[in-house]
Amino acid sequence: MADQASSCPTEASGQSIAAGPVGFTLFSYMYRDASNYKQHGEISFLGTITEDEEARLEAALDEGEYFIATQVRVPEVFFEYGEDSAEDHHCWHEYSGVEPAMAATDPFNRTISQFIDEVVTASVAGWQEFEQKLGALV
């Protein structure tokens, strides 16, 4: 049988380009209270982030790093506080970075591009601050 050209598109390097998202991207973040105690979180999305997407993500974050988790549907990683530490509360989470991941963990099955779209939408609408009191949101 004669060689037939593959119907799968290829990059200049000759590697196949799969239809749809390729790979996974881990989004790492943390909650840092006013006393500098930190609690880390992470969530991974379908698709591999590009440099342009990472720049778009950082541009949408408040001061290039802060966001409110519930407004972009990622798990909050607040500490449980007592009344004695009420002054340490705030609602902001801090972006730590992105890296390749082995699987997607996002319960909404979003691609990294869809997640970045949500961050941009929240940023344009204005981050909606709230107070956190005694381990609960008010």
C-alpha atoms as a PDB file:
ATOM      1  CA  MET A   1       0.000   0.000   0.000  1.00  0.00           C
ATOM      2  CA  ALA A   2       1.355   3.454  -0.883  1.00  0.00           C
ATOM      3  CA  ASP A   3       2.061   6.004   1.870  1.00  0.00           C
ATOM      4  CA  GLN A   4      -0.966   8.107   2.524  1.00  0.00           C
ATOM      5  CA  ALA A   5      -0.788  11.578   4.059  1.00  0.00           C
ATOM      6  CA  SER A   6      -2.224  11.708   7.531  1.00  0.00           C
ATOM      7  CA  SER A   7      -5.503  13.562   7.856  1.00  0.00           C
ATOM      8  CA  CYS A   8      -4.361  14.836  11.261  1.00  0.00           C
ATOM      9  CA  PRO A   9      -2.991  18.406  11.112  1.00  0.00           C
ATOM     10  CA  THR A  10       0.630  18.805  12.212  1.00  0.00           C
ATOM     11  CA  GLU A  11       2.742  21.582  13.663  1.00  0.00           C
ATOM     12  CA  ALA A  12       5.913  22.705  11.893  1.00  0.00           C
ATOM     13  CA  SER A  13       7.784  20.276  14.163  1.00  0.00           C
ATOM     14  CA  GLY A  14       5.772  17.415  12.690  1.00  0.00           C
ATOM     15  CA  GLN A  15       3.904  16.672  15.923  1.00  0.00           C
ATOM     16  CA  SER A  16       0.182  16.027  15.698  1.00  0.00           C
ATOM     17  CA  ILE A  17      -2.215  18.685  16.864  1.00  0.00           C
ATOM     18  CA  ALA A  18      -5.204  17.112  18.567  1.00  0.00           C
ATOM     19  CA  ALA A  19      -8.622  18.671  18.232  1.00  0.00           C
ATOM     20  CA  GLY A  20      -9.687  20.427  21.421  1.00  0.00           C
ATOM     21  CA  PRO A  21      -7.663  21.080  24.580  1.00  0.00           C
ATOM     22  CA  VAL A  22      -4.304  19.368  24.888  1.00  0.00           C
ATOM     23  CA  GLY A  23      -2.906  18.674  28.338  1.00  0.00           C
ATOM     24  CA  PHE A  24      -3.922  20.208  31.631  1.00  0.00           C
ATOM     25  CA  THR A  25      -2.991  23.351  33.557  1.00  0.00           C
ATOM     26  CA  LEU A  26      -2.660  23.587  37.339  1.00  0.00           C
ATOM     27  CA  PHE A  27      -3.690  26.959  38.822  1.00  0.00           C
ATOM     28  CA  SER A  28      -2.065  27.441  42.249  1.00  0.00           C
ATOM     29  CA  TYR A  29      -3.205  30.053  44.730  1.00  0.00           C
ATOM     30  CA  MET A  30      -3.284  30.822  48.434  1.00  0.00           C
ATOM     31  CA  TYR A  31      -5.059  32.688  51.159  1.00  0.00           C
ATOM     32  CA  ARG A  32      -2.697  34.887  53.178  1.00  0.00           C
ATOM     33  CA  ASP A  33      -4.217  36.543  56.217  1.00  0.00           C
ATOM     34  CA  ALA A  34      -3.105  39.868  57.674  1.00  0.00           C
ATOM     35  CA  SER A  35      -0.705  38.047  60.038  1.00  0.00           C
ATOM     36  CA  ASN A  36       0.927  36.372  57.002  1.00  0.00           C
ATOM     37  CA  TYR A  37      -0.386  32.880  57.770  1.00  0.00           C
ATOM     38  CA  LYS A  38      -0.874  31.034  54.489  1.00  0.00           C
ATOM     39  CA  GLN A  39      -3.120  28.271  53.276  1.00  0.00           C
ATOM     40  CA  HIS A  40      -2.619  26.912  49.757  1.00  0.00           C
ATOM     41  CA  GLY A  41      -5.093  25.737  47.147  1.00  0.00           C
ATOM     42  CA  GLU A  42      -4.953  24.443  43.615  1.00  0.00           C
ATOM     43  CA  ILE A  43      -7.268  23.436  40.824  1.00  0.00           C
ATOM     44  CA  SER A  44      -6.469  22.120  37.383  1.00  0.00           C
ATOM     45  CA  PHE A  45      -8.201  22.748  34.084  1.00  0.00           C
ATOM     46  CA  LEU A  46      -8.389  21.115  30.676  1.00  0.00           C
ATOM     47  CA  GLY A  47      -5.935  22.543  28.177  1.00  0.00           C
ATOM     48  CA  THR A  48      -2.411  23.881  28.228  1.00  0.00           C
ATOM     49  CA  ILE A  49      -2.094  27.590  29.008  1.00  0.00           C
ATOM     50  CA  THR A  50      -0.240  29.772  26.502  1.00  0.00           C
ATOM     51  CA  GLU A  51       2.009  32.722  27.342  1.00  0.00           C
ATOM     52  CA  ASP A  52      -0.655  35.084  25.974  1.00  0.00           C
ATOM     53  CA  GLU A  53      -3.324  33.485  28.165  1.00  0.00           C
ATOM     54  CA  GLU A  54      -1.103  33.723  31.233  1.00  0.00           C
ATOM     55  CA  ALA A  55      -0.518  37.426  30.525  1.00  0.00           C
ATOM     56  CA  ARG A  56      -4.284  37.919  30.083  1.00  0.00           C
ATOM     57  CA  LEU A  57      -4.938  36.134  33.393  1.00  0.00           C
ATOM     58  CA  GLU A  58      -2.427  38.248  35.305  1.00  0.00           C
ATOM     59  CA  ALA A  59      -3.761  41.459  33.737  1.00  0.00           C
ATOM     60  CA  ALA A  60      -7.269  40.610  34.977  1.00  0.00           C
ATOM     61  CA  LEU A  61      -6.204  39.947  38.576  1.00  0.00           C
ATOM     62  CA  ASP A  62      -6.311  42.857  41.010  1.00  0.00           C
ATOM     63  CA  GLU A  63      -2.764  44.251  41.176  1.00  0.00           C
ATOM     64  CA  GLY A  64      -1.731  41.317  38.983  1.00  0.00           C
ATOM     65  CA  GLU A  65      -2.246  38.715  41.710  1.00  0.00           C
ATOM     66  CA  TYR A  66      -5.436  39.032  43.803  1.00  0.00           C
ATOM     67  CA  PHE A  67      -8.910  37.613  43.194  1.00  0.00           C
ATOM     68  CA  ILE A  68     -12.033  36.543  45.066  1.00  0.00           C
ATOM     69  CA  ALA A  69     -12.360  32.772  44.777  1.00  0.00           C
ATOM     70  CA  THR A  70     -16.148  32.456  44.752  1.00  0.00           C
ATOM     71  CA  GLN A  71     -16.430  34.948  41.896  1.00  0.00           C
ATOM     72  CA  VAL A  72     -14.409  32.659  39.613  1.00  0.00           C
ATOM     73  CA  ARG A  73     -15.714  29.364  41.026  1.00  0.00           C
ATOM     74  CA  VAL A  74     -12.578  28.049  42.713  1.00  0.00           C
ATOM     75  CA  PRO A  75     -12.560  26.662  46.271  1.00  0.00           C
ATOM     76  CA  GLU A  76     -11.924  29.157  49.058  1.00  0.00           C
ATOM     77  CA  VAL A  77      -9.033  28.232  51.339  1.00  0.00           C
ATOM     78  CA  PHE A  78      -9.793  30.443  54.324  1.00  0.00           C
ATOM     79  CA  PHE A  79      -8.698  29.582  57.859  1.00  0.00           C
ATOM     80  CA  GLU A  80     -11.218  28.945  60.624  1.00  0.00           C
ATOM     81  CA  TYR A  81     -10.882  31.930  62.943  1.00  0.00           C
ATOM     82  CA  GLY A  82     -11.979  32.773  66.444  1.00  0.00           C
ATOM     83  CA  GLU A  83     -13.008  36.209  67.672  1.00  0.00           C
ATOM     84  CA  ASP A  84      -9.466  36.986  68.822  1.00  0.00           C
ATOM     85  CA  SER A  85      -8.178  37.105  65.227  1.00  0.00           C
ATOM     86  CA  ALA A  86     -11.081  38.914  63.558  1.00  0.00           C
ATOM     87  CA  GLU A  87      -8.793  41.728  62.377  1.00  0.00           C
ATOM     88  CA  ASP A  88      -6.867  39.250  60.204  1.00  0.00           C
ATOM     89  CA  HIS A  89      -9.845  38.483  57.949  1.00  0.00           C
ATOM     90  CA  HIS A  90     -10.246  39.560  54.354  1.00  0.00           C
ATOM     91  CA  CYS A  91     -11.791  38.028  51.242  1.00  0.00           C
ATOM     92  CA  TRP A  92      -8.886  38.038  48.779  1.00  0.00           C
ATOM     93  CA  HIS A  93      -6.941  35.035  47.508  1.00  0.00           C
ATOM     94  CA  GLU A  94      -3.516  35.357  45.906  1.00  0.00           C
ATOM     95  CA  TYR A  95      -2.422  33.835  42.594  1.00  0.00           C
ATOM     96  CA  SER A  96       0.764  31.747  42.933  1.00  0.00           C
ATOM     97  CA  GLY A  97       1.281  30.493  39.390  1.00  0.00           C
ATOM     98  CA  VAL A  98       0.432  27.951  36.720  1.00  0.00           C
ATOM     99  CA  GLU A  99       2.168  24.770  35.652  1.00  0.00           C
ATOM    100  CA  PRO A 100       1.424  21.595  33.708  1.00  0.00           C
ATOM    101  CA  ALA A 101      -0.836  19.073  35.436  1.00  0.00           C
ATOM    102  CA  MET A 102      -1.605  15.389  34.977  1.00  0.00           C
ATOM    103  CA  ALA A 103      -5.409  15.659  35.069  1.00  0.00           C
ATOM    104  CA  ALA A 104      -8.243  18.157  35.408  1.00  0.00           C
ATOM    105  CA  THR A 105      -9.849  18.608  38.846  1.00  0.00           C
ATOM    106  CA  ASP A 106     -12.248  21.468  38.092  1.00  0.00           C
ATOM    107  CA  PRO A 107     -15.767  20.268  39.014  1.00  0.00           C
ATOM    108  CA  PHE A 108     -17.205  22.480  36.237  1.00  0.00           C
ATOM    109  CA  ASN A 109     -15.025  20.834  33.540  1.00  0.00           C
ATOM    110  CA  ARG A 110     -13.758  24.192  32.270  1.00  0.00           C
ATOM    111  CA  THR A 111     -10.788  24.653  30.014  1.00  0.00           C
ATOM    112  CA  ILE A 112      -8.062  27.013  31.168  1.00  0.00           C
ATOM    113  CA  SER A 113      -9.300  29.445  28.494  1.00  0.00           C
ATOM    114  CA  GLN A 114     -12.843  29.358  29.904  1.00  0.00           C
ATOM    115  CA  PHE A 115     -11.505  29.930  33.419  1.00  0.00           C
ATOM    116  CA  ILE A 116      -9.478  32.927  32.248  1.00  0.00           C
ATOM    117  CA  ASP A 117     -12.616  34.288  30.548  1.00  0.00           C
ATOM    118  CA  GLU A 118     -14.392  34.082  33.942  1.00  0.00           C
ATOM    119  CA  VAL A 119     -11.526  35.907  35.656  1.00  0.00           C
ATOM    120  CA  VAL A 120     -11.645  38.654  33.018  1.00  0.00           C
ATOM    121  CA  THR A 121     -15.442  38.937  33.375  1.00  0.00           C
ATOM    122  CA  ALA A 122     -15.180  39.231  37.183  1.00  0.00           C
ATOM    123  CA  SER A 123     -12.439  41.816  36.854  1.00  0.00           C
ATOM    124  CA  VAL A 124     -14.379  43.940  34.359  1.00  0.00           C
ATOM    125  CA  ALA A 125     -17.500  43.750  36.554  1.00  0.00           C
ATOM    126  CA  GLY A 126     -15.396  44.718  39.578  1.00  0.00           C
ATOM    127  CA  TRP A 127     -14.320  42.362  42.343  1.00  0.00           C
ATOM    128  CA  GLN A 128     -17.090  42.278  44.968  1.00  0.00           C
ATOM    129  CA  GLU A 129     -15.454  42.424  48.411  1.00  0.00           C
ATOM    130  CA  PHE A 130     -17.116  40.943  51.472  1.00  0.00           C
ATOM    131  CA  GLU A 131     -16.249  40.467  55.122  1.00  0.00           C
ATOM    132  CA  GLN A 132     -15.357  37.112  56.567  1.00  0.00           C
ATOM    133  CA  LYS A 133     -16.256  36.664  60.243  1.00  0.00           C
ATOM    134  CA  LEU A 134     -15.705  33.787  62.648  1.00  0.00           C
ATOM    135  CA  GLY A 135     -14.981  31.221  59.944  1.00  0.00           C
ATOM    136  CA  ALA A 136     -18.136  32.093  57.987  1.00  0.00           C
ATOM    137  CA  LEU A 137     -18.890  34.547  55.228  1.00  0.00           C
ATOM    138  CA  VAL A 138     -21.280  37.419  55.808  1.00  0.00           C
END
